[in-house]
Amino acid sequence: MLKIEVKSGESIERALKRYKRKYRNTKRLDQIRSHKEYTKKSVERRRTLKKAQYKEQFLLEQEDQ
């Protein structure tokens, strides 16, 4: 459970913004969306490989610059 303490002099909008950021960083919404439907292990493995290839390509491009 996330707890956000409103600091003195802080507006409620700012505290709400901090709460939303903390919630997004926990990636709970991503878990909920991924559990909505079943994905086969082969599809998940393919997705992780594709993501790793993308990251490697991105890092190589960053080194070249």
Protein backbone atom coordinates (compact mmCIF):
# COMPACT_ATOMS: atom_id res chain seq x y z
CA MET A 1 0.00 0.00 0.00
CA LEU A 2 1.38 3.37 -0.98
CA LYS A 3 1.35 6.15 1.56
CA ILE A 4 1.85 9.77 0.70
CA GLU A 5 2.17 12.32 3.45
CA VAL A 6 1.15 15.83 2.46
CA LYS A 7 3.90 18.17 3.60
CA SER A 8 3.09 21.47 5.19
CA GLY A 9 2.45 24.14 2.58
CA GLU A 10 2.16 21.53 -0.20
CA SER A 11 -0.91 21.59 -2.39
CA ILE A 12 -3.06 18.50 -2.73
CA GLU A 13 -2.42 18.48 -6.49
CA ARG A 14 1.31 18.17 -5.90
CA ALA A 15 0.80 15.31 -3.43
CA LEU A 16 -1.49 13.58 -5.92
CA LYS A 17 1.18 13.95 -8.59
CA ARG A 18 3.74 12.29 -6.27
CA TYR A 19 1.28 9.45 -5.60
CA LYS A 20 0.70 8.86 -9.29
CA ARG A 21 4.45 8.80 -9.93
CA LYS A 22 5.01 6.26 -7.15
CA TYR A 23 2.17 4.10 -8.44
CA ARG A 24 3.57 4.20 -11.98
CA ASN A 25 7.04 3.27 -10.71
CA THR A 26 5.73 0.16 -8.93
CA LYS A 27 4.52 -1.11 -12.34
CA ARG A 28 1.40 -2.53 -10.73
CA LEU A 29 -0.78 -1.40 -13.64
CA ASP A 30 1.48 -3.26 -16.07
CA GLN A 31 1.04 -6.43 -14.02
CA ILE A 32 -2.73 -6.06 -14.03
CA ARG A 33 -2.78 -5.57 -17.79
CA SER A 34 -0.49 -8.54 -18.39
CA HIS A 35 -2.72 -10.82 -16.29
CA LYS A 36 -5.83 -9.89 -18.27
CA GLU A 37 -5.02 -12.46 -20.92
CA TYR A 38 -2.74 -15.46 -21.12
CA THR A 39 0.43 -15.19 -23.17
CA LYS A 40 2.28 -18.28 -24.22
CA LYS A 41 5.81 -18.78 -22.96
CA SER A 42 7.16 -18.75 -26.50
CA VAL A 43 5.52 -15.37 -27.19
CA GLU A 44 6.90 -13.96 -23.93
CA ARG A 45 10.37 -15.30 -24.74
CA ARG A 46 10.20 -13.79 -28.23
CA ARG A 47 9.17 -10.44 -26.75
CA THR A 48 12.09 -10.42 -24.29
CA LEU A 49 14.57 -11.33 -27.05
CA LYS A 50 13.26 -8.56 -29.25
CA LYS A 51 13.54 -6.09 -26.38
CA ALA A 52 17.13 -7.18 -25.68
CA GLN A 53 18.04 -6.76 -29.35
CA TYR A 54 16.56 -3.29 -29.37
CA LYS A 55 18.47 -2.29 -26.24
CA GLU A 56 21.73 -3.62 -27.66
CA GLN A 57 21.22 -1.73 -30.93
CA PHE A 58 20.36 1.44 -29.03
CA LEU A 59 23.47 1.22 -26.86
CA LEU A 60 25.67 0.60 -29.89
CA GLU A 61 24.26 3.68 -31.58
CA GLN A 62 24.91 5.70 -28.41
CA GLU A 63 28.56 4.57 -28.35
CA ASP A 64 29.06 5.57 -31.99
CA GLN A 65 27.94 9.12 -31.36
